[in-house]
Amino acid sequence: MEDIILALEEGVVEVKIRNRVNPVYFTCNQLIKAAAILHLMAPHVEENTAS
């Protein structure tokens, strides 16, 4: 993951992923909590996908 952006006014969490043209967008009732969880998971995702 390159970046995680919490956009409260749009109601989404935007995740920019390396080697991907378009970001992934998440919507849910608890955006702040979802963004925090993604932020905590990001280093582990990078570890497991590195080649």
Protein backbone atom coordinates (compact mmCIF):
# COMPACT_ATOMS: atom_id res chain seq x y z
CA MET A 1 0.00 0.00 0.00
CA GLU A 2 1.26 3.45 -0.81
CA ASP A 3 -1.26 5.63 0.99
CA ILE A 4 -4.49 5.48 2.99
CA ILE A 5 -6.67 8.59 2.81
CA LEU A 6 -9.68 9.19 5.04
CA ALA A 7 -12.14 11.45 3.18
CA LEU A 8 -14.93 12.12 5.65
CA GLU A 9 -16.70 14.65 3.45
CA GLU A 10 -16.95 12.06 0.63
CA GLY A 11 -17.67 9.23 3.06
CA VAL A 12 -14.86 6.97 1.85
CA VAL A 13 -11.47 5.56 2.73
CA GLU A 14 -9.20 5.67 -0.32
CA VAL A 15 -6.35 3.15 -0.54
CA LYS A 16 -3.63 3.77 -3.10
CA ILE A 17 -1.83 0.56 -4.01
CA ARG A 18 1.58 0.34 -5.64
CA ASN A 19 1.51 -0.90 -9.27
CA ARG A 20 -2.22 -0.16 -9.56
CA VAL A 21 -3.60 2.67 -11.71
CA ASN A 22 -6.80 3.34 -9.77
CA PRO A 23 -7.15 3.48 -5.98
CA VAL A 24 -9.54 1.22 -4.05
CA TYR A 25 -12.41 2.92 -2.19
CA PHE A 26 -14.10 1.60 0.94
CA THR A 27 -17.33 2.84 2.46
CA CYS A 28 -18.75 1.86 5.84
CA ASN A 29 -20.56 3.23 8.87
CA GLN A 30 -17.37 3.72 10.89
CA LEU A 31 -14.87 5.30 8.47
CA ILE A 32 -12.40 6.46 11.09
CA LYS A 33 -12.17 2.99 12.63
CA ALA A 34 -11.84 1.37 9.19
CA ALA A 35 -9.04 3.76 8.20
CA ALA A 36 -7.23 3.09 11.48
CA ILE A 37 -7.44 -0.69 10.98
CA LEU A 38 -6.14 -0.41 7.40
CA HIS A 39 -3.33 1.82 8.62
CA LEU A 40 -2.33 -0.76 11.25
CA MET A 41 -2.50 -3.60 8.70
CA ALA A 42 -0.48 -1.82 5.98
CA PRO A 43 3.03 -2.81 7.19
CA HIS A 44 1.98 -6.47 7.43
CA VAL A 45 0.49 -6.43 3.94
CA GLU A 46 3.74 -5.00 2.58
CA GLU A 47 5.74 -7.73 4.37
CA ASN A 48 3.64 -10.54 2.94
CA THR A 49 3.51 -9.24 -0.64
CA ALA A 50 7.16 -8.26 -1.07
CA SER A 51 9.03 -10.44 -3.53
